[in-house]
Structure formats: C-alpha cells, structure tokens
C-alpha cells in the first residue's frame, strides 16, 4: 500500500482561490465561486493517496512539477518525497511563467 502524503496550499494558491471566490461575488454569483473553490479543494485532497495523478506540466520537464486539469482551472503542484504542495490555481488557458519551474 502506498504511503499517504500530506497536501498543502502555498500562499499563492490560497490567493488564487480567494480571487476566484471574490470575482464571482463581484459578479453577484457567489455560490458559483464557492462551488468552484470547493471542487478544487476536493480534487486536491485526492493527491494524498494518488500524488502522481497529475501530469507533468507541459511547459516544463521536471517530474516534480505536476498539474491537475479541472476545467476551467490548472491546479499546479510540487511533488516532494512526503507531500504535495499546490502552488497555483490558474485558468486553463493561461501559460505559466518559466520562473515557476525553479521556484515553486
């Protein structure tokens, strides 16, 4: 049986989720923002048991930088020996800045 990993969110990912929630609240559809954030968190929780579930980020090559695609988002996470740390939650169409690969 595979060892469970801890799962956490970097401050940048927390801000991304807050932005999603706030943007929908400003559009007077807060329930949509809350639902999207909840779905992302539920998807991320799966990484505790299945950390390799995500694909390697196409813009980069390192196997430790992965992403889950959960339309309309890319959930980008760093995979370490004992944890999966979500570093960004971005719209699917957004390309990543190369600096994320080395500093995630």
PDB file of N, CA and C in Angstrom:
ATOM      1  N   UNK A   1       0.845  -1.186   0.000  1.00  0.00           N
ATOM      2  CA  UNK A   1       0.000   0.000   0.000  1.00  0.00           C
ATOM      3  C   UNK A   1       0.888   1.247   0.000  1.00  0.00           C
ATOM      4  N   UNK A   2       0.545   2.194  -0.825  1.00  0.00           N
ATOM      5  CA  UNK A   2       1.326   3.425  -0.936  1.00  0.00           C
ATOM      6  C   UNK A   2       1.154   4.276   0.313  1.00  0.00           C
ATOM      7  N   UNK A   3       2.202   4.978   0.646  1.00  0.00           N
ATOM      8  CA  UNK A   3       2.178   5.876   1.799  1.00  0.00           C
ATOM      9  C   UNK A   3       1.413   7.148   1.440  1.00  0.00           C
ATOM     10  N   UNK A   4       0.568   7.592   2.346  1.00  0.00           N
ATOM     11  CA  UNK A   4      -0.172   8.844   2.132  1.00  0.00           C
ATOM     12  C   UNK A   4       0.770  10.024   2.295  1.00  0.00           C
ATOM     13  N   UNK A   5       0.572  11.009   1.481  1.00  0.00           N
ATOM     14  CA  UNK A   5       1.361  12.242   1.575  1.00  0.00           C
ATOM     15  C   UNK A   5       0.494  13.340   2.156  1.00  0.00           C
ATOM     16  N   UNK A   6       1.148  14.285   2.774  1.00  0.00           N
ATOM     17  CA  UNK A   6       0.399  15.453   3.224  1.00  0.00           C
ATOM     18  C   UNK A   6       0.156  16.341   2.009  1.00  0.00           C
ATOM     19  N   UNK A   7      -0.886  17.090   2.066  1.00  0.00           N
ATOM     20  CA  UNK A   7      -1.255  18.005   0.993  1.00  0.00           C
ATOM     21  C   UNK A   7      -1.419  19.388   1.594  1.00  0.00           C
ATOM     22  N   UNK A   8      -0.821  20.391   0.944  1.00  0.00           N
ATOM     23  CA  UNK A   8      -0.930  21.753   1.455  1.00  0.00           C
ATOM     24  C   UNK A   8      -1.042  22.739   0.293  1.00  0.00           C
ATOM     25  N   UNK A   9      -1.412  23.963   0.646  1.00  0.00           N
ATOM     26  CA  UNK A   9      -1.542  25.037  -0.328  1.00  0.00           C
ATOM     27  C   UNK A   9      -0.529  26.127  -0.007  1.00  0.00           C
ATOM     28  N   UNK A  10       0.239  26.528  -0.996  1.00  0.00           N
ATOM     29  CA  UNK A  10       1.119  27.678  -0.842  1.00  0.00           C
ATOM     30  C   UNK A  10       0.249  28.932  -0.765  1.00  0.00           C
ATOM     31  N   UNK A  11       0.805  29.988  -0.223  1.00  0.00           N
ATOM     32  CA  UNK A  11       0.075  31.252  -0.108  1.00  0.00           C
ATOM     33  C   UNK A  11      -0.416  31.734  -1.480  1.00  0.00           C
ATOM     34  N   UNK A  12       0.389  31.531  -2.508  1.00  0.00           N
ATOM     35  CA  UNK A  12      -0.011  31.942  -3.860  1.00  0.00           C
ATOM     36  C   UNK A  12      -1.265  31.208  -4.322  1.00  0.00           C
ATOM     37  N   UNK A  13      -1.386  29.939  -3.999  1.00  0.00           N
ATOM     38  CA  UNK A  13      -2.568  29.167  -4.386  1.00  0.00           C
ATOM     39  C   UNK A  13      -3.793  29.604  -3.581  1.00  0.00           C
ATOM     40  N   UNK A  14      -3.593  29.906  -2.320  1.00  0.00           N
ATOM     41  CA  UNK A  14      -4.698  30.405  -1.492  1.00  0.00           C
ATOM     42  C   UNK A  14      -5.217  31.724  -2.067  1.00  0.00           C
ATOM     43  N   UNK A  15      -4.299  32.613  -2.453  1.00  0.00           N
ATOM     44  CA  UNK A  15      -4.714  33.890  -3.075  1.00  0.00           C
ATOM     45  C   UNK A  15      -5.478  33.632  -4.376  1.00  0.00           C
ATOM     46  N   UNK A  16      -5.018  32.665  -5.166  1.00  0.00           N
ATOM     47  CA  UNK A  16      -5.719  32.342  -6.408  1.00  0.00           C
ATOM     48  C   UNK A  16      -7.165  31.928  -6.121  1.00  0.00           C
ATOM     49  N   UNK A  17      -7.363  31.089  -5.121  1.00  0.00           N
ATOM     50  CA  UNK A  17      -8.710  30.636  -4.786  1.00  0.00           C
ATOM     51  C   UNK A  17      -9.553  31.778  -4.218  1.00  0.00           C
ATOM     52  N   UNK A  18      -8.942  32.646  -3.430  1.00  0.00           N
ATOM     53  CA  UNK A  18      -9.667  33.819  -2.929  1.00  0.00           C
ATOM     54  C   UNK A  18     -10.097  34.717  -4.080  1.00  0.00           C
ATOM     55  N   UNK A  19      -9.239  34.859  -5.083  1.00  0.00           N
ATOM     56  CA  UNK A  19      -9.578  35.671  -6.259  1.00  0.00           C
ATOM     57  C   UNK A  19     -10.763  35.078  -7.009  1.00  0.00           C
ATOM     58  N   UNK A  20     -10.796  33.766  -7.129  1.00  0.00           N
ATOM     59  CA  UNK A  20     -11.928  33.100  -7.798  1.00  0.00           C
ATOM     60  C   UNK A  20     -13.213  33.412  -7.043  1.00  0.00           C
ATOM     61  N   UNK A  21     -13.168  33.229  -5.748  1.00  0.00           N
ATOM     62  CA  UNK A  21     -14.349  33.494  -4.918  1.00  0.00           C
ATOM     63  C   UNK A  21     -14.776  34.957  -5.004  1.00  0.00           C
ATOM     64  N   UNK A  22     -13.806  35.869  -4.893  1.00  0.00           N
ATOM     65  CA  UNK A  22     -14.118  37.298  -4.919  1.00  0.00           C
ATOM     66  C   UNK A  22     -14.657  37.748  -6.274  1.00  0.00           C
ATOM     67  N   UNK A  23     -14.067  37.232  -7.346  1.00  0.00           N
ATOM     68  CA  UNK A  23     -14.503  37.618  -8.694  1.00  0.00           C
ATOM     69  C   UNK A  23     -15.969  37.234  -8.915  1.00  0.00           C
ATOM     70  N   UNK A  24     -16.349  36.060  -8.460  1.00  0.00           N
ATOM     71  CA  UNK A  24     -17.735  35.632  -8.632  1.00  0.00           C
ATOM     72  C   UNK A  24     -18.676  36.392  -7.704  1.00  0.00           C
ATOM     73  N   UNK A  25     -18.194  36.753  -6.541  1.00  0.00           N
ATOM     74  CA  UNK A  25     -19.022  37.560  -5.633  1.00  0.00           C
ATOM     75  C   UNK A  25     -19.304  38.925  -6.251  1.00  0.00           C
ATOM     76  N   UNK A  26     -18.287  39.517  -6.893  1.00  0.00           N
ATOM     77  CA  UNK A  26     -18.477  40.808  -7.557  1.00  0.00           C
ATOM     78  C   UNK A  26     -19.471  40.716  -8.714  1.00  0.00           C
ATOM     79  N   UNK A  27     -19.546  39.547  -9.328  1.00  0.00           N
ATOM     80  CA  UNK A  27     -20.493  39.327 -10.428  1.00  0.00           C
ATOM     81  C   UNK A  27     -21.872  38.929  -9.894  1.00  0.00           C
ATOM     82  N   UNK A  28     -22.024  38.972  -8.583  1.00  0.00           N
ATOM     83  CA  UNK A  28     -23.271  38.642  -7.894  1.00  0.00           C
ATOM     84  C   UNK A  28     -23.691  37.195  -8.085  1.00  0.00           C
ATOM     85  N   UNK A  29     -22.683  36.316  -8.182  1.00  0.00           N
ATOM     86  CA  UNK A  29     -22.937  34.876  -8.230  1.00  0.00           C
ATOM     87  C   UNK A  29     -21.964  34.168  -7.268  1.00  0.00           C
ATOM     88  N   UNK A  30     -22.024  34.545  -5.981  1.00  0.00           N
ATOM     89  CA  UNK A  30     -21.063  33.990  -5.023  1.00  0.00           C
ATOM     90  C   UNK A  30     -21.139  32.473  -4.900  1.00  0.00           C
ATOM     91  N   UNK A  31     -22.314  31.907  -5.121  1.00  0.00           N
ATOM     92  CA  UNK A  31     -22.450  30.455  -4.999  1.00  0.00           C
ATOM     93  C   UNK A  31     -21.601  29.718  -6.042  1.00  0.00           C
ATOM     94  N   UNK A  32     -21.407  30.330  -7.201  1.00  0.00           N
ATOM     95  CA  UNK A  32     -20.564  29.717  -8.233  1.00  0.00           C
ATOM     96  C   UNK A  32     -19.102  29.717  -7.777  1.00  0.00           C
ATOM     97  N   UNK A  33     -18.645  30.834  -7.257  1.00  0.00           N
ATOM     98  CA  UNK A  33     -17.274  30.911  -6.754  1.00  0.00           C
ATOM     99  C   UNK A  33     -17.032  29.925  -5.625  1.00  0.00           C
ATOM    100  N   UNK A  34     -17.966  29.834  -4.703  1.00  0.00           N
ATOM    101  CA  UNK A  34     -17.831  28.885  -3.586  1.00  0.00           C
ATOM    102  C   UNK A  34     -17.795  27.447  -4.096  1.00  0.00           C
ATOM    103  N   UNK A  35     -18.619  27.137  -5.080  1.00  0.00           N
ATOM    104  CA  UNK A  35     -18.649  25.779  -5.643  1.00  0.00           C
ATOM    105  C   UNK A  35     -17.330  25.452  -6.326  1.00  0.00           C
ATOM    106  N   UNK A  36     -16.803  26.404  -7.110  1.00  0.00           N
ATOM    107  CA  UNK A  36     -15.539  26.162  -7.803  1.00  0.00           C
ATOM    108  C   UNK A  36     -14.390  25.937  -6.821  1.00  0.00           C
ATOM    109  N   UNK A  37     -14.336  26.745  -5.784  1.00  0.00           N
ATOM    110  CA  UNK A  37     -13.278  26.586  -4.776  1.00  0.00           C
ATOM    111  C   UNK A  37     -13.418  25.226  -4.095  1.00  0.00           C
ATOM    112  N   UNK A  38     -14.620  24.860  -3.736  1.00  0.00           N
ATOM    113  CA  UNK A  38     -14.876  23.565  -3.091  1.00  0.00           C
ATOM    114  C   UNK A  38     -14.437  22.412  -4.001  1.00  0.00           C
ATOM    115  N   UNK A  39     -14.748  22.500  -5.285  1.00  0.00           N
ATOM    116  CA  UNK A  39     -14.354  21.445  -6.231  1.00  0.00           C
ATOM    117  C   UNK A  39     -12.834  21.320  -6.332  1.00  0.00           C
ATOM    118  N   UNK A  40     -12.145  22.452  -6.362  1.00  0.00           N
ATOM    119  CA  UNK A  40     -10.677  22.426  -6.437  1.00  0.00           C
ATOM    120  C   UNK A  40     -10.106  21.766  -5.185  1.00  0.00           C
ATOM    121  N   UNK A  41     -10.603  22.140  -4.024  1.00  0.00           N
ATOM    122  CA  UNK A  41     -10.096  21.565  -2.772  1.00  0.00           C
ATOM    123  C   UNK A  41     -10.353  20.058  -2.741  1.00  0.00           C
ATOM    124  N   UNK A  42     -11.533  19.633  -3.157  1.00  0.00           N
ATOM    125  CA  UNK A  42     -11.841  18.200  -3.185  1.00  0.00           C
ATOM    126  C   UNK A  42     -10.894  17.459  -4.129  1.00  0.00           C
ATOM    127  N   UNK A  43     -10.619  18.055  -5.263  1.00  0.00           N
ATOM    128  CA  UNK A  43      -9.702  17.432  -6.230  1.00  0.00           C
ATOM    129  C   UNK A  43      -8.294  17.327  -5.656  1.00  0.00           C
ATOM    130  N   UNK A  44      -7.846  18.367  -4.986  1.00  0.00           N
ATOM    131  CA  UNK A  44      -6.508  18.383  -4.400  1.00  0.00           C
ATOM    132  C   UNK A  44      -6.387  17.339  -3.288  1.00  0.00           C
ATOM    133  N   UNK A  45      -7.435  17.145  -2.517  1.00  0.00           N
ATOM    134  CA  UNK A  45      -7.389  16.163  -1.431  1.00  0.00           C
ATOM    135  C   UNK A  45      -7.067  14.763  -1.936  1.00  0.00           C
ATOM    136  N   UNK A  46      -7.384  14.466  -3.184  1.00  0.00           N
ATOM    137  CA  UNK A  46      -7.091  13.158  -3.771  1.00  0.00           C
ATOM    138  C   UNK A  46      -5.585  12.915  -3.893  1.00  0.00           C
ATOM    139  N   UNK A  47      -4.810  13.986  -3.893  1.00  0.00           N
ATOM    140  CA  UNK A  47      -3.356  13.840  -4.033  1.00  0.00           C
ATOM    141  C   UNK A  47      -2.720  13.146  -2.832  1.00  0.00           C
ATOM    142  N   UNK A  48      -3.387  13.132  -1.691  1.00  0.00           N
ATOM    143  CA  UNK A  48      -2.845  12.443  -0.522  1.00  0.00           C
ATOM    144  C   UNK A  48      -2.643  10.958  -0.822  1.00  0.00           C
ATOM    145  N   UNK A  49      -3.561  10.372  -1.560  1.00  0.00           N
ATOM    146  CA  UNK A  49      -3.464   8.948  -1.901  1.00  0.00           C
ATOM    147  C   UNK A  49      -2.898   8.708  -3.292  1.00  0.00           C
ATOM    148  N   UNK A  50      -3.098   9.646  -4.186  1.00  0.00           N
ATOM    149  CA  UNK A  50      -2.671   9.473  -5.579  1.00  0.00           C
ATOM    150  C   UNK A  50      -1.844  10.671  -6.036  1.00  0.00           C
ATOM    151  N   UNK A  51      -0.660  10.868  -5.468  1.00  0.00           N
ATOM    152  CA  UNK A  51       0.131  12.073  -5.772  1.00  0.00           C
ATOM    153  C   UNK A  51       0.619  12.146  -7.218  1.00  0.00           C
ATOM    154  N   UNK A  52       0.734  11.017  -7.876  1.00  0.00           N
ATOM    155  CA  UNK A  52       1.193  11.011  -9.270  1.00  0.00           C
ATOM    156  C   UNK A  52       0.045  11.155 -10.261  1.00  0.00           C
ATOM    157  N   UNK A  53      -1.127  11.426  -9.754  1.00  0.00           N
ATOM    158  CA  UNK A  53      -2.324  11.528 -10.590  1.00  0.00           C
ATOM    159  C   UNK A  53      -2.190  12.607 -11.669  1.00  0.00           C
ATOM    160  N   UNK A  54      -1.563  13.696 -11.327  1.00  0.00           N
ATOM    161  CA  UNK A  54      -1.430  14.800 -12.273  1.00  0.00           C
ATOM    162  C   UNK A  54      -0.352  14.534 -13.314  1.00  0.00           C
ATOM    163  N   UNK A  55      -0.464  15.253 -14.408  1.00  0.00           N
ATOM    164  CA  UNK A  55       0.538  15.133 -15.462  1.00  0.00           C
ATOM    165  C   UNK A  55       1.686  16.099 -15.208  1.00  0.00           C
ATOM    166  N   UNK A  56       2.825  15.810 -15.793  1.00  0.00           N
ATOM    167  CA  UNK A  56       3.944  16.741 -15.739  1.00  0.00           C
ATOM    168  C   UNK A  56       3.526  17.989 -16.503  1.00  0.00           C
ATOM    169  N   UNK A  57       3.811  19.144 -15.975  1.00  0.00           N
ATOM    170  CA  UNK A  57       3.404  20.403 -16.598  1.00  0.00           C
ATOM    171  C   UNK A  57       4.054  20.502 -17.980  1.00  0.00           C
ATOM    172  N   UNK A  58       3.257  20.655 -19.044  1.00  0.00           N
ATOM    173  CA  UNK A  58       3.794  20.640 -20.408  1.00  0.00           C
ATOM    174  C   UNK A  58       4.852  21.703 -20.693  1.00  0.00           C
ATOM    175  N   UNK A  59       4.774  22.861 -20.042  1.00  0.00           N
ATOM    176  CA  UNK A  59       5.741  23.918 -20.306  1.00  0.00           C
ATOM    177  C   UNK A  59       7.120  23.615 -19.725  1.00  0.00           C
ATOM    178  N   UNK A  60       7.186  22.615 -18.854  1.00  0.00           N
ATOM    179  CA  UNK A  60       8.429  22.287 -18.164  1.00  0.00           C
ATOM    180  C   UNK A  60       8.692  20.805 -18.258  1.00  0.00           C
ATOM    181  N   UNK A  61       9.833  20.386 -17.780  1.00  0.00           N
ATOM    182  CA  UNK A  61      10.198  18.984 -17.831  1.00  0.00           C
ATOM    183  C   UNK A  61      10.333  18.307 -16.482  1.00  0.00           C
ATOM    184  N   UNK A  62      10.564  19.032 -15.399  1.00  0.00           N
ATOM    185  CA  UNK A  62      10.837  18.331 -14.143  1.00  0.00           C
ATOM    186  C   UNK A  62       9.644  17.489 -13.693  1.00  0.00           C
ATOM    187  N   UNK A  63       9.881  16.244 -13.326  1.00  0.00           N
ATOM    188  CA  UNK A  63       8.784  15.361 -12.921  1.00  0.00           C
ATOM    189  C   UNK A  63       8.141  15.753 -11.600  1.00  0.00           C
ATOM    190  N   UNK A  64       8.768  16.626 -10.839  1.00  0.00           N
ATOM    191  CA  UNK A  64       8.210  17.039  -9.547  1.00  0.00           C
ATOM    192  C   UNK A  64       7.208  18.179  -9.662  1.00  0.00           C
ATOM    193  N   UNK A  65       7.081  18.795 -10.836  1.00  0.00           N
ATOM    194  CA  UNK A  65       6.104  19.867 -11.041  1.00  0.00           C
ATOM    195  C   UNK A  65       4.971  19.304 -11.897  1.00  0.00           C
ATOM    196  N   UNK A  66       3.819  19.151 -11.283  1.00  0.00           N
ATOM    197  CA  UNK A  66       2.695  18.486 -11.940  1.00  0.00           C
ATOM    198  C   UNK A  66       1.444  19.362 -11.896  1.00  0.00           C
ATOM    199  N   UNK A  67       0.449  18.919 -12.644  1.00  0.00           N
ATOM    200  CA  UNK A  67      -0.807  19.661 -12.624  1.00  0.00           C
ATOM    201  C   UNK A  67      -1.985  18.725 -12.807  1.00  0.00           C
ATOM    202  N   UNK A  68      -3.065  19.128 -12.195  1.00  0.00           N
ATOM    203  CA  UNK A  68      -4.361  18.506 -12.428  1.00  0.00           C
ATOM    204  C   UNK A  68      -5.153  19.507 -13.260  1.00  0.00           C
ATOM    205  N   UNK A  69      -5.819  19.024 -14.264  1.00  0.00           N
ATOM    206  CA  UNK A  69      -6.682  19.898 -15.046  1.00  0.00           C
ATOM    207  C   UNK A  69      -8.105  19.663 -14.557  1.00  0.00           C
ATOM    208  N   UNK A  70      -8.682  20.722 -14.038  1.00  0.00           N
ATOM    209  CA  UNK A  70     -10.059  20.701 -13.550  1.00  0.00           C
ATOM    210  C   UNK A  70     -10.738  21.926 -14.150  1.00  0.00           C
ATOM    211  N   UNK A  71     -11.310  21.760 -15.356  1.00  0.00           N
ATOM    212  CA  UNK A  71     -11.849  22.918 -16.072  1.00  0.00           C
ATOM    213  C   UNK A  71     -12.724  23.790 -15.191  1.00  0.00           C
ATOM    214  N   UNK A  72     -12.500  25.080 -15.233  1.00  0.00           N
ATOM    215  CA  UNK A  72     -11.624  25.825 -16.138  1.00  0.00           C
ATOM    216  C   UNK A  72     -10.230  26.085 -15.550  1.00  0.00           C
ATOM    217  N   UNK A  73      -9.759  25.234 -14.644  1.00  0.00           N
ATOM    218  CA  UNK A  73      -8.508  25.510 -13.942  1.00  0.00           C
ATOM    219  C   UNK A  73      -7.401  24.496 -14.200  1.00  0.00           C
ATOM    220  N   UNK A  74      -6.185  24.978 -14.013  1.00  0.00           N
ATOM    221  CA  UNK A  74      -4.987  24.151 -13.910  1.00  0.00           C
ATOM    222  C   UNK A  74      -4.552  24.256 -12.455  1.00  0.00           C
ATOM    223  N   UNK A  75      -4.485  23.134 -11.789  1.00  0.00           N
ATOM    224  CA  UNK A  75      -4.064  23.089 -10.390  1.00  0.00           C
ATOM    225  C   UNK A  75      -2.624  22.599 -10.403  1.00  0.00           C
ATOM    226  N   UNK A  76      -1.687  23.510 -10.202  1.00  0.00           N
ATOM    227  CA  UNK A  76      -0.264  23.199 -10.331  1.00  0.00           C
ATOM    228  C   UNK A  76       0.298  22.894  -8.944  1.00  0.00           C
ATOM    229  N   UNK A  77       0.984  21.751  -8.848  1.00  0.00           N
ATOM    230  CA  UNK A  77       1.536  21.370  -7.553  1.00  0.00           C
ATOM    231  C   UNK A  77       2.945  20.830  -7.673  1.00  0.00           C
ATOM    232  N   UNK A  78       3.653  20.975  -6.582  1.00  0.00           N
ATOM    233  CA  UNK A  78       5.021  20.474  -6.471  1.00  0.00           C
ATOM    234  C   UNK A  78       4.956  19.175  -5.679  1.00  0.00           C
ATOM    235  N   UNK A  79       5.588  18.152  -6.209  1.00  0.00           N
ATOM    236  CA  UNK A  79       5.573  16.845  -5.585  1.00  0.00           C
ATOM    237  C   UNK A  79       6.923  16.580  -4.938  1.00  0.00           C
ATOM    238  N   UNK A  80       6.928  16.457  -3.625  1.00  0.00           N
ATOM    239  CA  UNK A  80       8.134  16.142  -2.864  1.00  0.00           C
ATOM    240  C   UNK A  80       7.978  14.734  -2.278  1.00  0.00           C
ATOM    241  N   UNK A  81       9.002  14.270  -1.606  1.00  0.00           N
ATOM    242  CA  UNK A  81       9.001  12.914  -1.068  1.00  0.00           C
ATOM    243  C   UNK A  81       7.837  12.655  -0.117  1.00  0.00           C
ATOM    244  N   UNK A  82       7.473  13.641   0.685  1.00  0.00           N
ATOM    245  CA  UNK A  82       6.454  13.411   1.701  1.00  0.00           C
ATOM    246  C   UNK A  82       5.207  14.291   1.570  1.00  0.00           C
ATOM    247  N   UNK A  83       5.155  15.130   0.531  1.00  0.00           N
ATOM    248  CA  UNK A  83       3.980  15.989   0.407  1.00  0.00           C
ATOM    249  C   UNK A  83       3.742  16.432  -1.029  1.00  0.00           C
ATOM    250  N   UNK A  84       2.514  16.886  -1.247  1.00  0.00           N
ATOM    251  CA  UNK A  84       2.132  17.562  -2.491  1.00  0.00           C
ATOM    252  C   UNK A  84       1.715  18.960  -2.072  1.00  0.00           C
ATOM    253  N   UNK A  85       2.341  19.965  -2.673  1.00  0.00           N
ATOM    254  CA  UNK A  85       2.058  21.354  -2.304  1.00  0.00           C
ATOM    255  C   UNK A  85       1.531  22.091  -3.525  1.00  0.00           C
ATOM    256  N   UNK A  86       0.294  22.543  -3.446  1.00  0.00           N
ATOM    257  CA  UNK A  86      -0.323  23.287  -4.535  1.00  0.00           C
ATOM    258  C   UNK A  86       0.295  24.674  -4.551  1.00  0.00           C
ATOM    259  N   UNK A  87       0.828  25.061  -5.722  1.00  0.00           N
ATOM    260  CA  UNK A  87       1.489  26.358  -5.815  1.00  0.00           C
ATOM    261  C   UNK A  87       0.662  27.394  -6.579  1.00  0.00           C
ATOM    262  N   UNK A  88      -0.182  26.965  -7.504  1.00  0.00           N
ATOM    263  CA  UNK A  88      -1.031  27.906  -8.257  1.00  0.00           C
ATOM    264  C   UNK A  88      -2.314  27.214  -8.679  1.00  0.00           C
ATOM    265  N   UNK A  89      -3.363  27.998  -8.810  1.00  0.00           N
ATOM    266  CA  UNK A  89      -4.631  27.559  -9.392  1.00  0.00           C
ATOM    267  C   UNK A  89      -4.987  28.609 -10.421  1.00  0.00           C
ATOM    268  N   UNK A  90      -4.760  28.257 -11.684  1.00  0.00           N
ATOM    269  CA  UNK A  90      -4.928  29.215 -12.776  1.00  0.00           C
ATOM    270  C   UNK A  90      -5.966  28.755 -13.775  1.00  0.00           C
ATOM    271  N   UNK A  91      -6.478  29.722 -14.527  1.00  0.00           N
ATOM    272  CA  UNK A  91      -7.374  29.402 -15.644  1.00  0.00           C
ATOM    273  C   UNK A  91      -6.629  28.507 -16.625  1.00  0.00           C
ATOM    274  N   UNK A  92      -7.313  27.566 -17.207  1.00  0.00           N
ATOM    275  CA  UNK A  92      -6.698  26.567 -18.083  1.00  0.00           C
ATOM    276  C   UNK A  92      -5.955  27.156 -19.268  1.00  0.00           C
ATOM    277  N   UNK A  93      -6.449  28.269 -19.786  1.00  0.00           N
ATOM    278  CA  UNK A  93      -5.827  28.832 -20.989  1.00  0.00           C
ATOM    279  C   UNK A  93      -4.545  29.615 -20.686  1.00  0.00           C
ATOM    280  N   UNK A  94      -4.253  29.846 -19.428  1.00  0.00           N
ATOM    281  CA  UNK A  94      -3.080  30.639 -19.052  1.00  0.00           C
ATOM    282  C   UNK A  94      -1.807  29.792 -19.108  1.00  0.00           C
ATOM    283  N   UNK A  95      -0.778  30.332 -19.778  1.00  0.00           N
ATOM    284  CA  UNK A  95       0.515  29.672 -19.797  1.00  0.00           C
ATOM    285  C   UNK A  95       1.309  30.113 -18.581  1.00  0.00           C
ATOM    286  N   UNK A  96       2.132  29.215 -18.081  1.00  0.00           N
ATOM    287  CA  UNK A  96       2.904  29.542 -16.894  1.00  0.00           C
ATOM    288  C   UNK A  96       4.176  30.272 -17.229  1.00  0.00           C
ATOM    289  N   UNK A  97       4.588  31.111 -16.326  1.00  0.00           N
ATOM    290  CA  UNK A  97       5.864  31.798 -16.405  1.00  0.00           C
ATOM    291  C   UNK A  97       6.952  30.788 -16.062  1.00  0.00           C
ATOM    292  N   UNK A  98       8.015  30.786 -16.830  1.00  0.00           N
ATOM    293  CA  UNK A  98       9.082  29.805 -16.608  1.00  0.00           C
ATOM    294  C   UNK A  98       9.704  29.899 -15.230  1.00  0.00           C
ATOM    295  N   UNK A  99       9.641  31.031 -14.572  1.00  0.00           N
ATOM    296  CA  UNK A  99      10.244  31.148 -13.255  1.00  0.00           C
ATOM    297  C   UNK A  99       9.569  30.243 -12.235  1.00  0.00           C
ATOM    298  N   UNK A 100       8.320  29.859 -12.482  1.00  0.00           N
ATOM    299  CA  UNK A 100       7.621  28.974 -11.559  1.00  0.00           C
ATOM    300  C   UNK A 100       8.313  27.630 -11.468  1.00  0.00           C
ATOM    301  N   UNK A 101       8.903  27.165 -12.547  1.00  0.00           N
ATOM    302  CA  UNK A 101       9.550  25.868 -12.555  1.00  0.00           C
ATOM    303  C   UNK A 101      10.673  25.754 -11.565  1.00  0.00           C
ATOM    304  N   UNK A 102      11.439  26.779 -11.355  1.00  0.00           N
ATOM    305  CA  UNK A 102      12.557  26.705 -10.433  1.00  0.00           C
ATOM    306  C   UNK A 102      12.239  27.139  -9.029  1.00  0.00           C
ATOM    307  N   UNK A 103      11.160  27.901  -8.852  1.00  0.00           N
ATOM    308  CA  UNK A 103      10.878  28.477  -7.539  1.00  0.00           C
ATOM    309  C   UNK A 103       9.608  27.965  -6.900  1.00  0.00           C
ATOM    310  N   UNK A 104       8.994  26.986  -7.461  1.00  0.00           N
ATOM    311  CA  UNK A 104       7.699  26.512  -6.956  1.00  0.00           C
ATOM    312  C   UNK A 104       7.799  25.918  -5.565  1.00  0.00           C
TER     313      UNK A 104
END
